[in-house]
Amino acid sequence: MSPLLSLAIDVALACYALALAIALVRLLRGPAAEERILALDFMGIVAILVLLVVGIRYRSSMTFEAALLIALTGFVATAALAKFLLRGEVIE
């Protein structure tokens, strides 16, 4: 791996760690449930990005499959939480 790519991966992971910290603050201190759900969804997206960058660093295809599973689970969870906030129940 080239030194430039290694540096870019390190910078990207540091930025993602900062984004996760900011989202965690919003998740814990969010005044409304909607903001907490958005923060949780954002944390899922950043986790997917971290997995993809780690997969590039270690040249592992397994991390890409894990990122896909997290994306599918995150979408379903966000849709279920949004429906729960709108109607008070998930299953009709």
C-alpha atoms as a PDB file:
ATOM      1  CA  MET A   1       0.000   0.000   0.000  1.00  0.00           C
ATOM      2  CA  SER A   2       1.328   3.407  -0.898  1.00  0.00           C
ATOM      3  CA  PRO A   3       2.147   5.935   1.834  1.00  0.00           C
ATOM      4  CA  LEU A   4      -0.367   8.400   0.380  1.00  0.00           C
ATOM      5  CA  LEU A   5      -3.198   5.860   0.556  1.00  0.00           C
ATOM      6  CA  SER A   6      -2.206   4.930   4.099  1.00  0.00           C
ATOM      7  CA  LEU A   7      -2.274   8.592   5.122  1.00  0.00           C
ATOM      8  CA  ALA A   8      -5.645   9.128   3.431  1.00  0.00           C
ATOM      9  CA  ILE A   9      -7.095   6.129   5.272  1.00  0.00           C
ATOM     10  CA  ASP A  10      -5.792   7.412   8.606  1.00  0.00           C
ATOM     11  CA  VAL A  11      -7.254  10.875   7.990  1.00  0.00           C
ATOM     12  CA  ALA A  12     -10.589   9.393   6.912  1.00  0.00           C
ATOM     13  CA  LEU A  13     -10.790   7.205  10.027  1.00  0.00           C
ATOM     14  CA  ALA A  14      -9.993  10.202  12.240  1.00  0.00           C
ATOM     15  CA  CYS A  15     -12.752  12.235  10.578  1.00  0.00           C
ATOM     16  CA  TYR A  16     -15.200   9.357  11.004  1.00  0.00           C
ATOM     17  CA  ALA A  17     -14.276   9.067  14.682  1.00  0.00           C
ATOM     18  CA  LEU A  18     -14.990  12.780  15.119  1.00  0.00           C
ATOM     19  CA  ALA A  19     -18.326  12.401  13.313  1.00  0.00           C
ATOM     20  CA  LEU A  20     -19.255   9.474  15.555  1.00  0.00           C
ATOM     21  CA  ALA A  21     -18.419  11.494  18.672  1.00  0.00           C
ATOM     22  CA  ILE A  22     -20.571  14.413  17.543  1.00  0.00           C
ATOM     23  CA  ALA A  23     -23.450  12.081  16.679  1.00  0.00           C
ATOM     24  CA  LEU A  24     -23.129  10.383  20.057  1.00  0.00           C
ATOM     25  CA  VAL A  25     -23.501  13.740  21.777  1.00  0.00           C
ATOM     26  CA  ARG A  26     -26.648  14.420  19.735  1.00  0.00           C
ATOM     27  CA  LEU A  27     -27.949  10.938  20.533  1.00  0.00           C
ATOM     28  CA  LEU A  28     -27.502  11.430  24.265  1.00  0.00           C
ATOM     29  CA  ARG A  29     -28.594  15.070  24.506  1.00  0.00           C
ATOM     30  CA  GLY A  30     -31.147  15.289  21.706  1.00  0.00           C
ATOM     31  CA  PRO A  31     -34.215  17.131  22.915  1.00  0.00           C
ATOM     32  CA  ALA A  32     -36.618  15.216  20.668  1.00  0.00           C
ATOM     33  CA  ALA A  33     -36.975  11.569  19.726  1.00  0.00           C
ATOM     34  CA  GLU A  34     -36.741  12.445  16.036  1.00  0.00           C
ATOM     35  CA  GLU A  35     -33.286  13.949  16.481  1.00  0.00           C
ATOM     36  CA  ARG A  36     -32.131  10.879  18.384  1.00  0.00           C
ATOM     37  CA  ILE A  37     -33.345   8.587  15.612  1.00  0.00           C
ATOM     38  CA  LEU A  38     -31.539  10.698  13.009  1.00  0.00           C
ATOM     39  CA  ALA A  39     -28.354  10.588  15.097  1.00  0.00           C
ATOM     40  CA  LEU A  40     -28.623   6.815  15.392  1.00  0.00           C
ATOM     41  CA  ASP A  41     -29.163   6.496  11.634  1.00  0.00           C
ATOM     42  CA  PHE A  42     -26.180   8.753  10.978  1.00  0.00           C
ATOM     43  CA  MET A  43     -24.036   6.637  13.305  1.00  0.00           C
ATOM     44  CA  GLY A  44     -25.030   3.572  11.297  1.00  0.00           C
ATOM     45  CA  ILE A  45     -23.991   5.259   8.067  1.00  0.00           C
ATOM     46  CA  VAL A  46     -20.645   6.275   9.551  1.00  0.00           C
ATOM     47  CA  ALA A  47     -20.132   2.711  10.820  1.00  0.00           C
ATOM     48  CA  ILE A  48     -20.677   1.483   7.271  1.00  0.00           C
ATOM     49  CA  LEU A  49     -18.092   3.957   5.999  1.00  0.00           C
ATOM     50  CA  VAL A  50     -15.600   2.892   8.667  1.00  0.00           C
ATOM     51  CA  LEU A  51     -16.043  -0.743   7.669  1.00  0.00           C
ATOM     52  CA  LEU A  52     -15.481   0.112   4.022  1.00  0.00           C
ATOM     53  CA  VAL A  53     -12.305   2.050   4.777  1.00  0.00           C
ATOM     54  CA  VAL A  54     -11.002  -0.738   7.022  1.00  0.00           C
ATOM     55  CA  GLY A  55     -11.790  -3.201   4.223  1.00  0.00           C
ATOM     56  CA  ILE A  56      -9.687  -1.146   1.838  1.00  0.00           C
ATOM     57  CA  ARG A  57      -6.830  -1.000   4.333  1.00  0.00           C
ATOM     58  CA  TYR A  58      -6.713  -4.754   5.007  1.00  0.00           C
ATOM     59  CA  ARG A  59      -7.910  -5.838   1.543  1.00  0.00           C
ATOM     60  CA  SER A  60     -10.715  -7.902   3.018  1.00  0.00           C
ATOM     61  CA  SER A  61     -13.961  -8.576   1.213  1.00  0.00           C
ATOM     62  CA  MET A  62     -15.673  -9.736   4.415  1.00  0.00           C
ATOM     63  CA  THR A  63     -15.958  -6.168   5.688  1.00  0.00           C
ATOM     64  CA  PHE A  64     -17.884  -5.180   2.568  1.00  0.00           C
ATOM     65  CA  GLU A  65     -20.433  -7.896   3.272  1.00  0.00           C
ATOM     66  CA  ALA A  66     -20.724  -6.732   6.885  1.00  0.00           C
ATOM     67  CA  ALA A  67     -21.273  -3.165   5.681  1.00  0.00           C
ATOM     68  CA  LEU A  68     -24.077  -4.345   3.412  1.00  0.00           C
ATOM     69  CA  LEU A  69     -25.764  -6.153   6.311  1.00  0.00           C
ATOM     70  CA  ILE A  70     -25.509  -3.077   8.521  1.00  0.00           C
ATOM     71  CA  ALA A  71     -27.003  -0.948   5.746  1.00  0.00           C
ATOM     72  CA  LEU A  72     -29.992  -3.250   5.331  1.00  0.00           C
ATOM     73  CA  THR A  73     -30.574  -3.505   9.070  1.00  0.00           C
ATOM     74  CA  GLY A  74     -30.217   0.248   9.519  1.00  0.00           C
ATOM     75  CA  PHE A  75     -32.767   0.987   6.810  1.00  0.00           C
ATOM     76  CA  VAL A  76     -35.354  -1.358   8.298  1.00  0.00           C
ATOM     77  CA  ALA A  77     -34.747  -0.044  11.821  1.00  0.00           C
ATOM     78  CA  THR A  78     -35.068   3.582  10.756  1.00  0.00           C
ATOM     79  CA  ALA A  79     -38.282   2.880   8.863  1.00  0.00           C
ATOM     80  CA  ALA A  80     -39.737   1.015  11.854  1.00  0.00           C
ATOM     81  CA  LEU A  81     -38.804   3.771  14.302  1.00  0.00           C
ATOM     82  CA  ALA A  82     -40.264   6.456  12.032  1.00  0.00           C
ATOM     83  CA  LYS A  83     -43.507   4.515  11.709  1.00  0.00           C
ATOM     84  CA  PHE A  84     -43.616   4.044  15.474  1.00  0.00           C
ATOM     85  CA  LEU A  85     -43.214   7.794  16.034  1.00  0.00           C
ATOM     86  CA  LEU A  86     -45.956   8.591  13.514  1.00  0.00           C
ATOM     87  CA  ARG A  87     -48.582   6.038  14.533  1.00  0.00           C
ATOM     88  CA  GLY A  88     -47.553   4.618  17.899  1.00  0.00           C
ATOM     89  CA  GLU A  89     -47.285   1.064  16.597  1.00  0.00           C
ATOM     90  CA  VAL A  90     -45.048  -0.741  14.139  1.00  0.00           C
ATOM     91  CA  ILE A  91     -47.262  -3.647  13.078  1.00  0.00           C
ATOM     92  CA  GLU A  92     -50.832  -2.925  12.101  1.00  0.00           C
END
